[in-house]
Amino acid sequence: MIAGLCNNQIIAPVIFEENCNKAIFTTYVETILTKELRPEQIVIMDNINFHKNTIIKVLIESV
């Protein structure tokens, strides 16, 4: 499961059956998370390698 937390509410949840990887996370950010984010929000992620992707940064900053 991947999801966001905003004001103690779960946002943009998604459940998948395999391990998360760069492709899954990028698709999630592009198709689900960016639709839920507002410009003033801050995104905090842990330090797994596929979170440190330029594409992810560009997608989130495009909101």
PDB file of N, CA and C in Angstrom:
ATOM      1  N   MET A   1       0.844  -1.176   0.000  1.00  0.00           N
ATOM      2  CA  MET A   1       0.000   0.000   0.000  1.00  0.00           C
ATOM      3  C   MET A   1       0.889   1.239   0.000  1.00  0.00           C
ATOM      4  N   ILE A   2       0.477   2.202  -0.771  1.00  0.00           N
ATOM      5  CA  ILE A   2       1.089   3.529  -0.760  1.00  0.00           C
ATOM      6  C   ILE A   2      -0.048   4.503  -0.486  1.00  0.00           C
ATOM      7  N   ALA A   3       0.217   5.493   0.337  1.00  0.00           N
ATOM      8  CA  ALA A   3      -0.800   6.502   0.621  1.00  0.00           C
ATOM      9  C   ALA A   3      -0.122   7.749   1.166  1.00  0.00           C
ATOM     10  N   GLY A   4      -0.868   8.826   1.163  1.00  0.00           N
ATOM     11  CA  GLY A   4      -0.411  10.056   1.773  1.00  0.00           C
ATOM     12  C   GLY A   4      -1.176  10.300   3.057  1.00  0.00           C
ATOM     13  N   LEU A   5      -0.667  11.193   3.867  1.00  0.00           N
ATOM     14  CA  LEU A   5      -1.330  11.582   5.105  1.00  0.00           C
ATOM     15  C   LEU A   5      -1.407  13.103   5.130  1.00  0.00           C
ATOM     16  N   CYS A   6      -2.616  13.612   5.278  1.00  0.00           N
ATOM     17  CA  CYS A   6      -2.822  15.056   5.298  1.00  0.00           C
ATOM     18  C   CYS A   6      -3.890  15.371   6.339  1.00  0.00           C
ATOM     19  N   ASN A   7      -3.539  16.164   7.341  1.00  0.00           N
ATOM     20  CA  ASN A   7      -4.483  16.520   8.410  1.00  0.00           C
ATOM     21  C   ASN A   7      -5.110  15.283   9.045  1.00  0.00           C
ATOM     22  N   ASN A   8      -4.271  14.294   9.322  1.00  0.00           N
ATOM     23  CA  ASN A   8      -4.699  13.031   9.932  1.00  0.00           C
ATOM     24  C   ASN A   8      -5.689  12.244   9.078  1.00  0.00           C
ATOM     25  N   GLN A   9      -5.709  12.502   7.785  1.00  0.00           N
ATOM     26  CA  GLN A   9      -6.572  11.780   6.849  1.00  0.00           C
ATOM     27  C   GLN A   9      -5.692  11.104   5.799  1.00  0.00           C
ATOM     28  N   ILE A  10      -6.048   9.879   5.445  1.00  0.00           N
ATOM     29  CA  ILE A  10      -5.342   9.175   4.375  1.00  0.00           C
ATOM     30  C   ILE A  10      -5.794   9.756   3.040  1.00  0.00           C
ATOM     31  N   ILE A  11      -4.832  10.089   2.179  1.00  0.00           N
ATOM     32  CA  ILE A  11      -5.157  10.558   0.826  1.00  0.00           C
ATOM     33  C   ILE A  11      -4.433   9.689  -0.192  1.00  0.00           C
ATOM     34  N   ALA A  12      -4.996   9.589  -1.358  1.00  0.00           N
ATOM     35  CA  ALA A  12      -4.396   8.910  -2.505  1.00  0.00           C
ATOM     36  C   ALA A  12      -3.914   7.493  -2.191  1.00  0.00           C
ATOM     37  N   PRO A  13      -4.733   6.671  -1.540  1.00  0.00           N
ATOM     38  CA  PRO A  13      -4.274   5.312  -1.237  1.00  0.00           C
ATOM     39  C   PRO A  13      -4.310   4.412  -2.469  1.00  0.00           C
ATOM     40  N   VAL A  14      -3.372   3.507  -2.530  1.00  0.00           N
ATOM     41  CA  VAL A  14      -3.372   2.485  -3.581  1.00  0.00           C
ATOM     42  C   VAL A  14      -2.785   1.206  -2.990  1.00  0.00           C
ATOM     43  N   ILE A  15      -3.379   0.090  -3.363  1.00  0.00           N
ATOM     44  CA  ILE A  15      -2.907  -1.219  -2.911  1.00  0.00           C
ATOM     45  C   ILE A  15      -2.430  -1.985  -4.135  1.00  0.00           C
ATOM     46  N   PHE A  16      -1.280  -2.621  -4.013  1.00  0.00           N
ATOM     47  CA  PHE A  16      -0.749  -3.442  -5.099  1.00  0.00           C
ATOM     48  C   PHE A  16      -0.204  -4.718  -4.492  1.00  0.00           C
ATOM     49  N   GLU A  17      -0.063  -5.762  -5.299  1.00  0.00           N
ATOM     50  CA  GLU A  17       0.289  -7.074  -4.763  1.00  0.00           C
ATOM     51  C   GLU A  17       1.780  -7.382  -4.775  1.00  0.00           C
ATOM     52  N   GLU A  18       2.551  -6.713  -5.599  1.00  0.00           N
ATOM     53  CA  GLU A  18       3.984  -7.002  -5.654  1.00  0.00           C
ATOM     54  C   GLU A  18       4.760  -5.987  -4.820  1.00  0.00           C
ATOM     55  N   ASN A  19       6.070  -6.136  -4.792  1.00  0.00           N
ATOM     56  CA  ASN A  19       6.913  -5.156  -4.103  1.00  0.00           C
ATOM     57  C   ASN A  19       6.897  -3.845  -4.866  1.00  0.00           C
ATOM     58  N   CYS A  20       6.995  -2.760  -4.136  1.00  0.00           N
ATOM     59  CA  CYS A  20       7.043  -1.454  -4.781  1.00  0.00           C
ATOM     60  C   CYS A  20       8.411  -1.268  -5.425  1.00  0.00           C
ATOM     61  N   ASN A  21       8.412  -0.614  -6.581  1.00  0.00           N
ATOM     62  CA  ASN A  21       9.654  -0.322  -7.287  1.00  0.00           C
ATOM     63  C   ASN A  21       9.513   1.044  -7.963  1.00  0.00           C
ATOM     64  N   LYS A  22      10.528   1.435  -8.690  1.00  0.00           N
ATOM     65  CA  LYS A  22      10.538   2.747  -9.334  1.00  0.00           C
ATOM     66  C   LYS A  22       9.355   2.925 -10.277  1.00  0.00           C
ATOM     67  N   ALA A  23       9.058   1.927 -11.084  1.00  0.00           N
ATOM     68  CA  ALA A  23       7.963   2.033 -12.054  1.00  0.00           C
ATOM     69  C   ALA A  23       6.612   2.192 -11.355  1.00  0.00           C
ATOM     70  N   ILE A  24       6.375   1.378 -10.338  1.00  0.00           N
ATOM     71  CA  ILE A  24       5.107   1.461  -9.604  1.00  0.00           C
ATOM     72  C   ILE A  24       4.981   2.812  -8.911  1.00  0.00           C
ATOM     73  N   PHE A  25       6.038   3.246  -8.246  1.00  0.00           N
ATOM     74  CA  PHE A  25       5.971   4.504  -7.511  1.00  0.00           C
ATOM     75  C   PHE A  25       5.815   5.697  -8.453  1.00  0.00           C
ATOM     76  N   THR A  26       6.518   5.691  -9.567  1.00  0.00           N
ATOM     77  CA  THR A  26       6.398   6.777 -10.541  1.00  0.00           C
ATOM     78  C   THR A  26       4.977   6.847 -11.089  1.00  0.00           C
ATOM     79  N   THR A  27       4.408   5.708 -11.425  1.00  0.00           N
ATOM     80  CA  THR A  27       3.029   5.665 -11.916  1.00  0.00           C
ATOM     81  C   THR A  27       2.065   6.176 -10.855  1.00  0.00           C
ATOM     82  N   TYR A  28       2.275   5.778  -9.610  1.00  0.00           N
ATOM     83  CA  TYR A  28       1.439   6.250  -8.501  1.00  0.00           C
ATOM     84  C   TYR A  28       1.498   7.773  -8.385  1.00  0.00           C
ATOM     85  N   VAL A  29       2.697   8.320  -8.370  1.00  0.00           N
ATOM     86  CA  VAL A  29       2.843   9.776  -8.232  1.00  0.00           C
ATOM     87  C   VAL A  29       2.180  10.482  -9.407  1.00  0.00           C
ATOM     88  N   GLU A  30       2.424   9.982 -10.611  1.00  0.00           N
ATOM     89  CA  GLU A  30       1.915  10.630 -11.818  1.00  0.00           C
ATOM     90  C   GLU A  30       0.395  10.560 -11.929  1.00  0.00           C
ATOM     91  N   THR A  31      -0.196   9.416 -11.606  1.00  0.00           N
ATOM     92  CA  THR A  31      -1.621   9.216 -11.879  1.00  0.00           C
ATOM     93  C   THR A  31      -2.534   9.378 -10.668  1.00  0.00           C
ATOM     94  N   ILE A  32      -1.992   9.276  -9.464  1.00  0.00           N
ATOM     95  CA  ILE A  32      -2.851   9.321  -8.277  1.00  0.00           C
ATOM     96  C   ILE A  32      -2.465  10.460  -7.340  1.00  0.00           C
ATOM     97  N   LEU A  33      -1.223  10.476  -6.879  1.00  0.00           N
ATOM     98  CA  LEU A  33      -0.830  11.461  -5.868  1.00  0.00           C
ATOM     99  C   LEU A  33      -0.950  12.895  -6.370  1.00  0.00           C
ATOM    100  N   THR A  34      -0.473  13.181  -7.559  1.00  0.00           N
ATOM    101  CA  THR A  34      -0.510  14.562  -8.058  1.00  0.00           C
ATOM    102  C   THR A  34      -1.933  15.078  -8.228  1.00  0.00           C
ATOM    103  N   LYS A  35      -2.890  14.190  -8.382  1.00  0.00           N
ATOM    104  CA  LYS A  35      -4.298  14.607  -8.496  1.00  0.00           C
ATOM    105  C   LYS A  35      -4.861  15.032  -7.135  1.00  0.00           C
ATOM    106  N   GLU A  36      -4.244  14.562  -6.050  1.00  0.00           N
ATOM    107  CA  GLU A  36      -4.719  14.850  -4.697  1.00  0.00           C
ATOM    108  C   GLU A  36      -3.970  16.009  -4.029  1.00  0.00           C
ATOM    109  N   LEU A  37      -2.787  16.326  -4.519  1.00  0.00           N
ATOM    110  CA  LEU A  37      -1.973  17.368  -3.879  1.00  0.00           C
ATOM    111  C   LEU A  37      -2.459  18.761  -4.231  1.00  0.00           C
ATOM    112  N   ARG A  38      -2.244  19.672  -3.293  1.00  0.00           N
ATOM    113  CA  ARG A  38      -2.491  21.084  -3.533  1.00  0.00           C
ATOM    114  C   ARG A  38      -1.138  21.805  -3.514  1.00  0.00           C
ATOM    115  N   PRO A  39      -1.028  22.930  -4.185  1.00  0.00           N
ATOM    116  CA  PRO A  39       0.269  23.610  -4.303  1.00  0.00           C
ATOM    117  C   PRO A  39       0.968  23.912  -2.985  1.00  0.00           C
ATOM    118  N   GLU A  40       0.239  24.172  -1.923  1.00  0.00           N
ATOM    119  CA  GLU A  40       0.882  24.555  -0.663  1.00  0.00           C
ATOM    120  C   GLU A  40       1.342  23.370   0.176  1.00  0.00           C
ATOM    121  N   GLN A  41       1.061  22.153  -0.258  1.00  0.00           N
ATOM    122  CA  GLN A  41       1.426  20.983   0.530  1.00  0.00           C
ATOM    123  C   GLN A  41       2.891  20.599   0.339  1.00  0.00           C
ATOM    124  N   ILE A  42       3.435  19.956   1.360  1.00  0.00           N
ATOM    125  CA  ILE A  42       4.815  19.473   1.351  1.00  0.00           C
ATOM    126  C   ILE A  42       4.784  17.956   1.317  1.00  0.00           C
ATOM    127  N   VAL A  43       5.621  17.359   0.491  1.00  0.00           N
ATOM    128  CA  VAL A  43       5.709  15.903   0.387  1.00  0.00           C
ATOM    129  C   VAL A  43       6.984  15.451   1.087  1.00  0.00           C
ATOM    130  N   ILE A  44       6.839  14.509   2.008  1.00  0.00           N
ATOM    131  CA  ILE A  44       7.978  13.936   2.724  1.00  0.00           C
ATOM    132  C   ILE A  44       8.016  12.448   2.416  1.00  0.00           C
ATOM    133  N   MET A  45       9.181  11.966   1.985  1.00  0.00           N
ATOM    134  CA  MET A  45       9.352  10.549   1.654  1.00  0.00           C
ATOM    135  C   MET A  45      10.579  10.019   2.380  1.00  0.00           C
ATOM    136  N   ASP A  46      10.637   8.708   2.549  1.00  0.00           N
ATOM    137  CA  ASP A  46      11.847   8.132   3.134  1.00  0.00           C
ATOM    138  C   ASP A  46      12.953   8.125   2.079  1.00  0.00           C
ATOM    139  N   ASN A  47      14.067   7.504   2.372  1.00  0.00           N
ATOM    140  CA  ASN A  47      15.231   7.633   1.486  1.00  0.00           C
ATOM    141  C   ASN A  47      15.484   6.422   0.591  1.00  0.00           C
ATOM    142  N   ILE A  48      14.455   5.661   0.271  1.00  0.00           N
ATOM    143  CA  ILE A  48      14.653   4.553  -0.665  1.00  0.00           C
ATOM    144  C   ILE A  48      15.062   5.124  -2.031  1.00  0.00           C
ATOM    145  N   ASN A  49      15.894   4.412  -2.754  1.00  0.00           N
ATOM    146  CA  ASN A  49      16.483   4.934  -3.994  1.00  0.00           C
ATOM    147  C   ASN A  49      15.470   5.470  -4.993  1.00  0.00           C
ATOM    148  N   PHE A  50      14.365   4.767  -5.218  1.00  0.00           N
ATOM    149  CA  PHE A  50      13.452   5.229  -6.267  1.00  0.00           C
ATOM    150  C   PHE A  50      12.655   6.473  -5.867  1.00  0.00           C
ATOM    151  N   HIS A  51      12.720   6.895  -4.615  1.00  0.00           N
ATOM    152  CA  HIS A  51      12.129   8.177  -4.234  1.00  0.00           C
ATOM    153  C   HIS A  51      13.028   9.333  -4.672  1.00  0.00           C
ATOM    154  N   LYS A  52      14.306   9.069  -4.872  1.00  0.00           N
ATOM    155  CA  LYS A  52      15.283  10.104  -5.232  1.00  0.00           C
ATOM    156  C   LYS A  52      15.417  10.217  -6.746  1.00  0.00           C
ATOM    157  N   ASN A  53      14.327  10.212  -7.432  1.00  0.00           N
ATOM    158  CA  ASN A  53      14.294  10.187  -8.881  1.00  0.00           C
ATOM    159  C   ASN A  53      13.901  11.577  -9.387  1.00  0.00           C
ATOM    160  N   THR A  54      14.590  12.062 -10.385  1.00  0.00           N
ATOM    161  CA  THR A  54      14.292  13.379 -10.945  1.00  0.00           C
ATOM    162  C   THR A  54      12.860  13.457 -11.447  1.00  0.00           C
ATOM    163  N   ILE A  55      12.364  12.390 -12.037  1.00  0.00           N
ATOM    164  CA  ILE A  55      10.991  12.375 -12.556  1.00  0.00           C
ATOM    165  C   ILE A  55       9.994  12.599 -11.413  1.00  0.00           C
ATOM    166  N   ILE A  56      10.214  11.932 -10.286  1.00  0.00           N
ATOM    167  CA  ILE A  56       9.331  12.094  -9.128  1.00  0.00           C
ATOM    168  C   ILE A  56       9.339  13.548  -8.666  1.00  0.00           C
ATOM    169  N   LYS A  57      10.511  14.131  -8.571  1.00  0.00           N
ATOM    170  CA  LYS A  57      10.634  15.527  -8.144  1.00  0.00           C
ATOM    171  C   LYS A  57       9.884  16.461  -9.089  1.00  0.00           C
ATOM    172  N   VAL A  58      10.062  16.272 -10.376  1.00  0.00           N
ATOM    173  CA  VAL A  58       9.392  17.115 -11.373  1.00  0.00           C
ATOM    174  C   VAL A  58       7.873  16.965 -11.281  1.00  0.00           C
ATOM    175  N   LEU A  59       7.400  15.733 -11.146  1.00  0.00           N
ATOM    176  CA  LEU A  59       5.955  15.498 -11.052  1.00  0.00           C
ATOM    177  C   LEU A  59       5.357  16.199  -9.836  1.00  0.00           C
ATOM    178  N   ILE A  60       5.997  16.057  -8.694  1.00  0.00           N
ATOM    179  CA  ILE A  60       5.471  16.665  -7.468  1.00  0.00           C
ATOM    180  C   ILE A  60       5.541  18.189  -7.546  1.00  0.00           C
ATOM    181  N   GLU A  61       6.628  18.714  -8.063  1.00  0.00           N
ATOM    182  CA  GLU A  61       6.767  20.171  -8.160  1.00  0.00           C
ATOM    183  C   GLU A  61       5.839  20.779  -9.207  1.00  0.00           C
ATOM    184  N   SER A  62       5.288  19.964 -10.096  1.00  0.00           N
ATOM    185  CA  SER A  62       4.389  20.479 -11.128  1.00  0.00           C
ATOM    186  C   SER A  62       3.000  20.808 -10.590  1.00  0.00           C
ATOM    187  N   VAL A  63       2.725  20.392  -9.362  1.00  0.00           N
ATOM    188  CA  VAL A  63       1.394  20.635  -8.771  1.00  0.00           C
ATOM    189  C   VAL A  63       1.262  22.101  -8.408  1.00  0.00           C
TER     190      VAL A  63
END
